């Protein structure tokens, strides 16, 4: 099984071309990651989650198939998810201060 997740293209209103991946699929939601085209840093990447309403969501021990979630991501859905996404990094230095 490949650990490389497929990526979809999304064009934000400012003209940035983002790569979109589905990560951490759970029983009723999945993490959606918008990868910034500047590959030198991941601080510009964004994330949000999608709540799944399919029959799989009623099984708390189950897991969504990321490929099914990925296939459901339309341009309109991605635009909505992007509007409510947040930056993964703050861009203000290291994630943890030294002890």
PDB file of N, CA and C in Angstrom:
ATOM      1  N   UNK A   1       0.836  -1.176   0.000  1.00  0.00           N
ATOM      2  CA  UNK A   1       0.000   0.000   0.000  1.00  0.00           C
ATOM      3  C   UNK A   1       0.884   1.244   0.000  1.00  0.00           C
ATOM      4  N   UNK A   2       0.609   2.148  -0.882  1.00  0.00           N
ATOM      5  CA  UNK A   2       1.404   3.358  -0.999  1.00  0.00           C
ATOM      6  C   UNK A   2       1.045   4.349   0.094  1.00  0.00           C
ATOM      7  N   UNK A   3       2.058   4.998   0.656  1.00  0.00           N
ATOM      8  CA  UNK A   3       1.826   6.023   1.667  1.00  0.00           C
ATOM      9  C   UNK A   3       1.734   7.402   1.028  1.00  0.00           C
ATOM     10  N   UNK A   4       1.890   7.478  -0.283  1.00  0.00           N
ATOM     11  CA  UNK A   4       1.765   8.748  -0.983  1.00  0.00           C
ATOM     12  C   UNK A   4       0.293   8.971  -1.290  1.00  0.00           C
ATOM     13  N   UNK A   5      -0.247  10.075  -0.786  1.00  0.00           N
ATOM     14  CA  UNK A   5      -1.649  10.379  -0.981  1.00  0.00           C
ATOM     15  C   UNK A   5      -1.827  11.171  -2.273  1.00  0.00           C
ATOM     16  N   UNK A   6      -2.909  10.895  -3.015  1.00  0.00           N
ATOM     17  CA  UNK A   6      -3.148  11.678  -4.229  1.00  0.00           C
ATOM     18  C   UNK A   6      -3.428  13.137  -3.861  1.00  0.00           C
ATOM     19  N   UNK A   7      -3.189  14.021  -4.809  1.00  0.00           N
ATOM     20  CA  UNK A   7      -3.369  15.436  -4.566  1.00  0.00           C
ATOM     21  C   UNK A   7      -4.244  16.030  -5.670  1.00  0.00           C
ATOM     22  N   UNK A   8      -5.149  16.910  -5.271  1.00  0.00           N
ATOM     23  CA  UNK A   8      -6.007  17.639  -6.192  1.00  0.00           C
ATOM     24  C   UNK A   8      -5.520  19.068  -6.286  1.00  0.00           C
ATOM     25  N   UNK A   9      -5.774  19.706  -7.400  1.00  0.00           N
ATOM     26  CA  UNK A   9      -5.414  21.113  -7.550  1.00  0.00           C
ATOM     27  C   UNK A   9      -6.588  21.987  -7.128  1.00  0.00           C
ATOM     28  N   UNK A  10      -6.281  23.072  -6.438  1.00  0.00           N
ATOM     29  CA  UNK A  10      -7.284  24.069  -6.078  1.00  0.00           C
ATOM     30  C   UNK A  10      -6.686  25.441  -6.314  1.00  0.00           C
ATOM     31  N   UNK A  11      -7.441  26.305  -6.979  1.00  0.00           N
ATOM     32  CA  UNK A  11      -6.995  27.669  -7.274  1.00  0.00           C
ATOM     33  C   UNK A  11      -7.766  28.622  -6.370  1.00  0.00           C
ATOM     34  N   UNK A  12      -7.053  29.261  -5.453  1.00  0.00           N
ATOM     35  CA  UNK A  12      -7.703  30.181  -4.517  1.00  0.00           C
ATOM     36  C   UNK A  12      -8.023  31.499  -5.220  1.00  0.00           C
ATOM     37  N   UNK A  13      -8.885  32.307  -4.615  1.00  0.00           N
ATOM     38  CA  UNK A  13      -9.263  33.577  -5.241  1.00  0.00           C
ATOM     39  C   UNK A  13      -8.093  34.514  -5.531  1.00  0.00           C
ATOM     40  N   UNK A  14      -6.993  34.394  -4.786  1.00  0.00           N
ATOM     41  CA  UNK A  14      -5.838  35.258  -5.047  1.00  0.00           C
ATOM     42  C   UNK A  14      -4.930  34.717  -6.142  1.00  0.00           C
ATOM     43  N   UNK A  15      -5.310  33.583  -6.756  1.00  0.00           N
ATOM     44  CA  UNK A  15      -4.556  33.021  -7.871  1.00  0.00           C
ATOM     45  C   UNK A  15      -3.516  31.979  -7.478  1.00  0.00           C
ATOM     46  N   UNK A  16      -3.406  31.655  -6.194  1.00  0.00           N
ATOM     47  CA  UNK A  16      -2.451  30.656  -5.739  1.00  0.00           C
ATOM     48  C   UNK A  16      -2.956  29.260  -6.097  1.00  0.00           C
ATOM     49  N   UNK A  17      -2.072  28.433  -6.610  1.00  0.00           N
ATOM     50  CA  UNK A  17      -2.417  27.053  -6.961  1.00  0.00           C
ATOM     51  C   UNK A  17      -2.011  26.128  -5.815  1.00  0.00           C
ATOM     52  N   UNK A  18      -2.981  25.636  -5.090  1.00  0.00           N
ATOM     53  CA  UNK A  18      -2.761  24.784  -3.928  1.00  0.00           C
ATOM     54  C   UNK A  18      -2.903  23.322  -4.312  1.00  0.00           C
ATOM     55  N   UNK A  19      -2.198  22.460  -3.614  1.00  0.00           N
ATOM     56  CA  UNK A  19      -2.399  21.022  -3.719  1.00  0.00           C
ATOM     57  C   UNK A  19      -3.219  20.584  -2.518  1.00  0.00           C
ATOM     58  N   UNK A  20      -4.230  19.759  -2.733  1.00  0.00           N
ATOM     59  CA  UNK A  20      -5.135  19.363  -1.661  1.00  0.00           C
ATOM     60  C   UNK A  20      -5.028  17.863  -1.425  1.00  0.00           C
ATOM     61  N   UNK A  21      -4.901  17.476  -0.149  1.00  0.00           N
ATOM     62  CA  UNK A  21      -4.833  16.068   0.230  1.00  0.00           C
ATOM     63  C   UNK A  21      -5.810  15.785   1.366  1.00  0.00           C
ATOM     64  N   UNK A  22      -6.260  14.529   1.423  1.00  0.00           N
ATOM     65  CA  UNK A  22      -7.093  14.052   2.525  1.00  0.00           C
ATOM     66  C   UNK A  22      -6.191  13.259   3.461  1.00  0.00           C
ATOM     67  N   UNK A  23      -6.184  13.639   4.723  1.00  0.00           N
ATOM     68  CA  UNK A  23      -5.343  12.986   5.725  1.00  0.00           C
ATOM     69  C   UNK A  23      -6.208  12.583   6.916  1.00  0.00           C
ATOM     70  N   UNK A  24      -5.723  11.672   7.711  1.00  0.00           N
ATOM     71  CA  UNK A  24      -6.323  11.315   9.000  1.00  0.00           C
ATOM     72  C   UNK A  24      -7.835  11.105   8.938  1.00  0.00           C
ATOM     73  N   UNK A  25      -8.269  10.242   8.054  1.00  0.00           N
ATOM     74  CA  UNK A  25      -9.693   9.946   7.963  1.00  0.00           C
ATOM     75  C   UNK A  25     -10.118   9.149   9.183  1.00  0.00           C
ATOM     76  N   UNK A  26     -11.149   9.613   9.867  1.00  0.00           N
ATOM     77  CA  UNK A  26     -11.653   8.940  11.056  1.00  0.00           C
ATOM     78  C   UNK A  26     -12.989   8.280  10.759  1.00  0.00           C
ATOM     79  N   UNK A  27     -13.814   8.153  11.763  1.00  0.00           N
ATOM     80  CA  UNK A  27     -15.122   7.517  11.590  1.00  0.00           C
ATOM     81  C   UNK A  27     -16.102   8.455  10.901  1.00  0.00           C
ATOM     82  N   UNK A  28     -16.054   9.749  11.217  1.00  0.00           N
ATOM     83  CA  UNK A  28     -17.037  10.662  10.644  1.00  0.00           C
ATOM     84  C   UNK A  28     -16.440  11.964  10.129  1.00  0.00           C
ATOM     85  N   UNK A  29     -15.118  12.076  10.108  1.00  0.00           N
ATOM     86  CA  UNK A  29     -14.503  13.281   9.564  1.00  0.00           C
ATOM     87  C   UNK A  29     -13.118  12.963   9.010  1.00  0.00           C
ATOM     88  N   UNK A  30     -12.582  13.921   8.293  1.00  0.00           N
ATOM     89  CA  UNK A  30     -11.235  13.767   7.729  1.00  0.00           C
ATOM     90  C   UNK A  30     -10.556  15.130   7.708  1.00  0.00           C
ATOM     91  N   UNK A  31      -9.252  15.115   7.826  1.00  0.00           N
ATOM     92  CA  UNK A  31      -8.458  16.334   7.768  1.00  0.00           C
ATOM     93  C   UNK A  31      -8.143  16.629   6.307  1.00  0.00           C
ATOM     94  N   UNK A  32      -8.401  17.856   5.896  1.00  0.00           N
ATOM     95  CA  UNK A  32      -8.098  18.312   4.538  1.00  0.00           C
ATOM     96  C   UNK A  32      -6.930  19.282   4.642  1.00  0.00           C
ATOM     97  N   UNK A  33      -5.847  19.004   3.906  1.00  0.00           N
ATOM     98  CA  UNK A  33      -4.656  19.851   3.950  1.00  0.00           C
ATOM     99  C   UNK A  33      -4.477  20.531   2.597  1.00  0.00           C
ATOM    100  N   UNK A  34      -4.329  21.860   2.639  1.00  0.00           N
ATOM    101  CA  UNK A  34      -4.031  22.657   1.450  1.00  0.00           C
ATOM    102  C   UNK A  34      -2.533  22.953   1.482  1.00  0.00           C
ATOM    103  N   UNK A  35      -1.790  22.370   0.548  1.00  0.00           N
ATOM    104  CA  UNK A  35      -0.336  22.561   0.488  1.00  0.00           C
ATOM    105  C   UNK A  35      -0.013  23.763  -0.392  1.00  0.00           C
ATOM    106  N   UNK A  36       0.709  24.717   0.177  1.00  0.00           N
ATOM    107  CA  UNK A  36       1.126  25.916  -0.557  1.00  0.00           C
ATOM    108  C   UNK A  36       2.164  25.521  -1.608  1.00  0.00           C
ATOM    109  N   UNK A  37       2.165  26.179  -2.766  1.00  0.00           N
ATOM    110  CA  UNK A  37       3.111  25.797  -3.823  1.00  0.00           C
ATOM    111  C   UNK A  37       4.577  26.076  -3.490  1.00  0.00           C
ATOM    112  N   UNK A  38       4.837  26.913  -2.491  1.00  0.00           N
ATOM    113  CA  UNK A  38       6.214  27.171  -2.082  1.00  0.00           C
ATOM    114  C   UNK A  38       6.696  25.972  -1.280  1.00  0.00           C
ATOM    115  N   UNK A  39       7.385  25.054  -1.914  1.00  0.00           N
ATOM    116  CA  UNK A  39       7.804  23.815  -1.282  1.00  0.00           C
ATOM    117  C   UNK A  39       8.894  23.955  -0.242  1.00  0.00           C
ATOM    118  N   UNK A  40       9.458  25.155  -0.076  1.00  0.00           N
ATOM    119  CA  UNK A  40      10.544  25.347   0.889  1.00  0.00           C
ATOM    120  C   UNK A  40      10.054  25.388   2.328  1.00  0.00           C
ATOM    121  N   UNK A  41       8.773  25.643   2.521  1.00  0.00           N
ATOM    122  CA  UNK A  41       8.253  25.744   3.883  1.00  0.00           C
ATOM    123  C   UNK A  41       6.838  25.193   3.947  1.00  0.00           C
ATOM    124  N   UNK A  42       6.506  24.580   5.053  1.00  0.00           N
ATOM    125  CA  UNK A  42       5.138  24.101   5.236  1.00  0.00           C
ATOM    126  C   UNK A  42       4.342  25.076   6.102  1.00  0.00           C
ATOM    127  N   UNK A  43       4.965  26.182   6.527  1.00  0.00           N
ATOM    128  CA  UNK A  43       4.259  27.131   7.385  1.00  0.00           C
ATOM    129  C   UNK A  43       3.105  27.817   6.675  1.00  0.00           C
ATOM    130  N   UNK A  44       3.119  27.829   5.358  1.00  0.00           N
ATOM    131  CA  UNK A  44       2.033  28.465   4.606  1.00  0.00           C
ATOM    132  C   UNK A  44       0.903  27.497   4.299  1.00  0.00           C
ATOM    133  N   UNK A  45       1.097  26.225   4.614  1.00  0.00           N
ATOM    134  CA  UNK A  45       0.042  25.243   4.387  1.00  0.00           C
ATOM    135  C   UNK A  45      -1.147  25.551   5.291  1.00  0.00           C
ATOM    136  N   UNK A  46      -2.331  25.112   4.858  1.00  0.00           N
ATOM    137  CA  UNK A  46      -3.554  25.361   5.609  1.00  0.00           C
ATOM    138  C   UNK A  46      -4.262  24.037   5.858  1.00  0.00           C
ATOM    139  N   UNK A  47      -5.129  24.010   6.856  1.00  0.00           N
ATOM    140  CA  UNK A  47      -5.871  22.782   7.143  1.00  0.00           C
ATOM    141  C   UNK A  47      -7.298  23.102   7.580  1.00  0.00           C
ATOM    142  N   UNK A  48      -8.158  22.138   7.406  1.00  0.00           N
ATOM    143  CA  UNK A  48      -9.536  22.187   7.888  1.00  0.00           C
ATOM    144  C   UNK A  48     -10.023  20.751   7.978  1.00  0.00           C
ATOM    145  N   UNK A  49     -11.207  20.564   8.469  1.00  0.00           N
ATOM    146  CA  UNK A  49     -11.756  19.211   8.508  1.00  0.00           C
ATOM    147  C   UNK A  49     -13.102  19.193   7.806  1.00  0.00           C
ATOM    148  N   UNK A  50     -13.464  18.022   7.340  1.00  0.00           N
ATOM    149  CA  UNK A  50     -14.745  17.836   6.680  1.00  0.00           C
ATOM    150  C   UNK A  50     -15.522  16.799   7.487  1.00  0.00           C
ATOM    151  N   UNK A  51     -16.773  17.111   7.767  1.00  0.00           N
ATOM    152  CA  UNK A  51     -17.649  16.174   8.472  1.00  0.00           C
ATOM    153  C   UNK A  51     -18.367  15.322   7.443  1.00  0.00           C
ATOM    154  N   UNK A  52     -18.255  14.028   7.593  1.00  0.00           N
ATOM    155  CA  UNK A  52     -18.829  13.084   6.636  1.00  0.00           C
ATOM    156  C   UNK A  52     -20.245  12.715   7.068  1.00  0.00           C
ATOM    157  N   UNK A  53     -21.173  12.734   6.138  1.00  0.00           N
ATOM    158  CA  UNK A  53     -22.569  12.450   6.455  1.00  0.00           C
ATOM    159  C   UNK A  53     -23.044  11.117   5.876  1.00  0.00           C
ATOM    160  N   UNK A  54     -22.154  10.329   5.328  1.00  0.00           N
ATOM    161  CA  UNK A  54     -22.525   9.049   4.724  1.00  0.00           C
ATOM    162  C   UNK A  54     -22.812   7.987   5.773  1.00  0.00           C
ATOM    163  N   UNK A  55     -23.199   6.794   5.330  1.00  0.00           N
ATOM    164  CA  UNK A  55     -23.533   5.722   6.266  1.00  0.00           C
ATOM    165  C   UNK A  55     -22.340   5.274   7.124  1.00  0.00           C
ATOM    166  N   UNK A  56     -21.125   5.511   6.639  1.00  0.00           N
ATOM    167  CA  UNK A  56     -19.940   5.131   7.391  1.00  0.00           C
ATOM    168  C   UNK A  56     -19.831   5.916   8.703  1.00  0.00           C
ATOM    169  N   UNK A  57     -20.419   7.103   8.734  1.00  0.00           N
ATOM    170  CA  UNK A  57     -20.295   7.985   9.895  1.00  0.00           C
ATOM    171  C   UNK A  57     -21.008   7.431  11.123  1.00  0.00           C
ATOM    172  N   UNK A  58     -21.934   6.509  10.945  1.00  0.00           N
ATOM    173  CA  UNK A  58     -22.664   5.961  12.091  1.00  0.00           C
ATOM    174  C   UNK A  58     -21.900   4.843  12.796  1.00  0.00           C
ATOM    175  N   UNK A  59     -20.796   4.394  12.227  1.00  0.00           N
ATOM    176  CA  UNK A  59     -19.990   3.335  12.826  1.00  0.00           C
ATOM    177  C   UNK A  59     -18.771   3.980  13.496  1.00  0.00           C
ATOM    178  N   UNK A  60     -18.818   4.125  14.826  1.00  0.00           N
ATOM    179  CA  UNK A  60     -17.736   4.814  15.523  1.00  0.00           C
ATOM    180  C   UNK A  60     -16.421   4.045  15.509  1.00  0.00           C
ATOM    181  N   UNK A  61     -16.475   2.759  15.208  1.00  0.00           N
ATOM    182  CA  UNK A  61     -15.243   1.975  15.132  1.00  0.00           C
ATOM    183  C   UNK A  61     -14.698   1.911  13.712  1.00  0.00           C
ATOM    184  N   UNK A  62     -15.434   2.412  12.760  1.00  0.00           N
ATOM    185  CA  UNK A  62     -15.004   2.366  11.369  1.00  0.00           C
ATOM    186  C   UNK A  62     -14.117   3.541  11.011  1.00  0.00           C
ATOM    187  N   UNK A  63     -13.594   3.497   9.819  1.00  0.00           N
ATOM    188  CA  UNK A  63     -12.788   4.593   9.289  1.00  0.00           C
ATOM    189  C   UNK A  63     -13.231   4.875   7.866  1.00  0.00           C
ATOM    190  N   UNK A  64     -13.273   6.138   7.539  1.00  0.00           N
ATOM    191  CA  UNK A  64     -13.602   6.527   6.175  1.00  0.00           C
ATOM    192  C   UNK A  64     -12.471   6.131   5.240  1.00  0.00           C
ATOM    193  N   UNK A  65     -12.823   5.820   4.029  1.00  0.00           N
ATOM    194  CA  UNK A  65     -11.822   5.568   3.004  1.00  0.00           C
ATOM    195  C   UNK A  65     -11.393   6.931   2.457  1.00  0.00           C
ATOM    196  N   UNK A  66     -10.129   7.328   2.623  1.00  0.00           N
ATOM    197  CA  UNK A  66      -9.690   8.637   2.125  1.00  0.00           C
ATOM    198  C   UNK A  66      -9.962   8.827   0.636  1.00  0.00           C
ATOM    199  N   UNK A  67      -9.931   7.743  -0.145  1.00  0.00           N
ATOM    200  CA  UNK A  67     -10.193   7.854  -1.583  1.00  0.00           C
ATOM    201  C   UNK A  67     -11.639   8.278  -1.858  1.00  0.00           C
ATOM    202  N   UNK A  68     -12.571   7.822  -1.023  1.00  0.00           N
ATOM    203  CA  UNK A  68     -13.983   8.205  -1.186  1.00  0.00           C
ATOM    204  C   UNK A  68     -14.157   9.685  -0.853  1.00  0.00           C
ATOM    205  N   UNK A  69     -13.528  10.131   0.220  1.00  0.00           N
ATOM    206  CA  UNK A  69     -13.591  11.552   0.590  1.00  0.00           C
ATOM    207  C   UNK A  69     -12.938  12.384  -0.504  1.00  0.00           C
ATOM    208  N   UNK A  70     -11.788  11.944  -0.979  1.00  0.00           N
ATOM    209  CA  UNK A  70     -11.053  12.655  -2.025  1.00  0.00           C
ATOM    210  C   UNK A  70     -11.908  12.816  -3.285  1.00  0.00           C
ATOM    211  N   UNK A  71     -12.593  11.746  -3.671  1.00  0.00           N
ATOM    212  CA  UNK A  71     -13.427  11.790  -4.877  1.00  0.00           C
ATOM    213  C   UNK A  71     -14.615  12.727  -4.719  1.00  0.00           C
ATOM    214  N   UNK A  72     -15.043  12.988  -3.488  1.00  0.00           N
ATOM    215  CA  UNK A  72     -16.210  13.846  -3.264  1.00  0.00           C
ATOM    216  C   UNK A  72     -15.864  15.330  -3.257  1.00  0.00           C
ATOM    217  N   UNK A  73     -14.584  15.665  -3.294  1.00  0.00           N
ATOM    218  CA  UNK A  73     -14.177  17.071  -3.204  1.00  0.00           C
ATOM    219  C   UNK A  73     -14.347  17.792  -4.534  1.00  0.00           C
ATOM    220  N   UNK A  74     -15.438  18.500  -4.666  1.00  0.00           N
ATOM    221  CA  UNK A  74     -15.689  19.296  -5.868  1.00  0.00           C
ATOM    222  C   UNK A  74     -15.025  20.662  -5.702  1.00  0.00           C
ATOM    223  N   UNK A  75     -14.986  21.438  -6.766  1.00  0.00           N
ATOM    224  CA  UNK A  75     -14.415  22.787  -6.681  1.00  0.00           C
ATOM    225  C   UNK A  75     -15.185  23.644  -5.689  1.00  0.00           C
ATOM    226  N   UNK A  76     -16.511  23.526  -5.681  1.00  0.00           N
ATOM    227  CA  UNK A  76     -17.333  24.311  -4.750  1.00  0.00           C
ATOM    228  C   UNK A  76     -17.060  23.898  -3.305  1.00  0.00           C
ATOM    229  N   UNK A  77     -16.937  22.600  -3.064  1.00  0.00           N
ATOM    230  CA  UNK A  77     -16.642  22.115  -1.710  1.00  0.00           C
ATOM    231  C   UNK A  77     -15.269  22.597  -1.266  1.00  0.00           C
ATOM    232  N   UNK A  78     -14.286  22.527  -2.150  1.00  0.00           N
ATOM    233  CA  UNK A  78     -12.940  22.990  -1.810  1.00  0.00           C
ATOM    234  C   UNK A  78     -12.923  24.484  -1.509  1.00  0.00           C
ATOM    235  N   UNK A  79     -13.690  25.271  -2.263  1.00  0.00           N
ATOM    236  CA  UNK A  79     -13.746  26.719  -2.017  1.00  0.00           C
ATOM    237  C   UNK A  79     -14.317  26.999  -0.627  1.00  0.00           C
ATOM    238  N   UNK A  80     -15.361  26.273  -0.240  1.00  0.00           N
ATOM    239  CA  UNK A  80     -15.943  26.439   1.093  1.00  0.00           C
ATOM    240  C   UNK A  80     -14.956  26.026   2.176  1.00  0.00           C
ATOM    241  N   UNK A  81     -14.306  24.878   1.983  1.00  0.00           N
ATOM    242  CA  UNK A  81     -13.336  24.402   2.962  1.00  0.00           C
ATOM    243  C   UNK A  81     -12.146  25.355   3.081  1.00  0.00           C
ATOM    244  N   UNK A  82     -11.700  25.910   1.964  1.00  0.00           N
ATOM    245  CA  UNK A  82     -10.560  26.824   1.988  1.00  0.00           C
ATOM    246  C   UNK A  82     -10.900  28.092   2.772  1.00  0.00           C
ATOM    247  N   UNK A  83     -12.116  28.597   2.606  1.00  0.00           N
ATOM    248  CA  UNK A  83     -12.519  29.819   3.316  1.00  0.00           C
ATOM    249  C   UNK A  83     -12.473  29.637   4.831  1.00  0.00           C
ATOM    250  N   UNK A  84     -12.739  28.440   5.306  1.00  0.00           N
ATOM    251  CA  UNK A  84     -12.723  28.224   6.757  1.00  0.00           C
ATOM    252  C   UNK A  84     -11.448  27.530   7.257  1.00  0.00           C
ATOM    253  N   UNK A  85     -10.447  27.423   6.397  1.00  0.00           N
ATOM    254  CA  UNK A  85      -9.192  26.775   6.791  1.00  0.00           C
ATOM    255  C   UNK A  85      -8.332  27.731   7.618  1.00  0.00           C
ATOM    256  N   UNK A  86      -7.358  27.157   8.310  1.00  0.00           N
ATOM    257  CA  UNK A  86      -6.437  27.928   9.140  1.00  0.00           C
ATOM    258  C   UNK A  86      -5.006  27.553   8.784  1.00  0.00           C
ATOM    259  N   UNK A  87      -4.093  28.465   9.056  1.00  0.00           N
ATOM    260  CA  UNK A  87      -2.683  28.187   8.821  1.00  0.00           C
ATOM    261  C   UNK A  87      -2.204  27.069   9.734  1.00  0.00           C
ATOM    262  N   UNK A  88      -1.365  26.204   9.194  1.00  0.00           N
ATOM    263  CA  UNK A  88      -0.776  25.148  10.015  1.00  0.00           C
ATOM    264  C   UNK A  88       0.304  25.737  10.909  1.00  0.00           C
ATOM    265  N   UNK A  89       1.115  26.617  10.372  1.00  0.00           N
ATOM    266  CA  UNK A  89       2.180  27.242  11.152  1.00  0.00           C
ATOM    267  C   UNK A  89       1.901  28.712  11.351  1.00  0.00           C
ATOM    268  N   UNK A  90       2.471  29.282  12.406  1.00  0.00           N
ATOM    269  CA  UNK A  90       2.271  30.702  12.686  1.00  0.00           C
ATOM    270  C   UNK A  90       3.241  31.576  11.918  1.00  0.00           C
ATOM    271  N   UNK A  91       4.369  30.994  11.499  1.00  0.00           N
ATOM    272  CA  UNK A  91       5.367  31.790  10.797  1.00  0.00           C
ATOM    273  C   UNK A  91       6.184  32.666  11.727  1.00  0.00           C
ATOM    274  N   UNK A  92       6.117  32.414  13.045  1.00  0.00           N
ATOM    275  CA  UNK A  92       6.822  33.264  14.005  1.00  0.00           C
ATOM    276  C   UNK A  92       7.958  32.530  14.702  1.00  0.00           C
ATOM    277  N   UNK A  93       8.609  31.641  14.023  1.00  0.00           N
ATOM    278  CA  UNK A  93       9.742  30.971  14.629  1.00  0.00           C
ATOM    279  C   UNK A  93       9.447  29.515  14.932  1.00  0.00           C
ATOM    280  N   UNK A  94      10.264  28.911  15.799  1.00  0.00           N
ATOM    281  CA  UNK A  94      10.105  27.478  16.082  1.00  0.00           C
ATOM    282  C   UNK A  94       8.771  27.191  16.763  1.00  0.00           C
ATOM    283  N   UNK A  95       8.285  25.984  16.538  1.00  0.00           N
ATOM    284  CA  UNK A  95       7.013  25.599  17.117  1.00  0.00           C
ATOM    285  C   UNK A  95       7.084  25.500  18.632  1.00  0.00           C
ATOM    286  N   UNK A  96       8.242  25.115  19.156  1.00  0.00           N
ATOM    287  CA  UNK A  96       8.415  24.982  20.602  1.00  0.00           C
ATOM    288  C   UNK A  96       9.602  25.810  21.034  1.00  0.00           C
ATOM    289  N   UNK A  97       9.449  26.524  22.110  1.00  0.00           N
ATOM    290  CA  UNK A  97      10.590  27.293  22.605  1.00  0.00           C
ATOM    291  C   UNK A  97      11.529  26.366  23.373  1.00  0.00           C
ATOM    292  N   UNK A  98      12.811  26.659  23.307  1.00  0.00           N
ATOM    293  CA  UNK A  98      13.782  25.803  23.991  1.00  0.00           C
ATOM    294  C   UNK A  98      13.556  25.830  25.507  1.00  0.00           C
ATOM    295  N   UNK A  99      13.852  24.714  26.129  1.00  0.00           N
ATOM    296  CA  UNK A  99      13.659  24.614  27.591  1.00  0.00           C
ATOM    297  C   UNK A  99      14.779  25.301  28.333  1.00  0.00           C
TER     298      UNK A  99
END
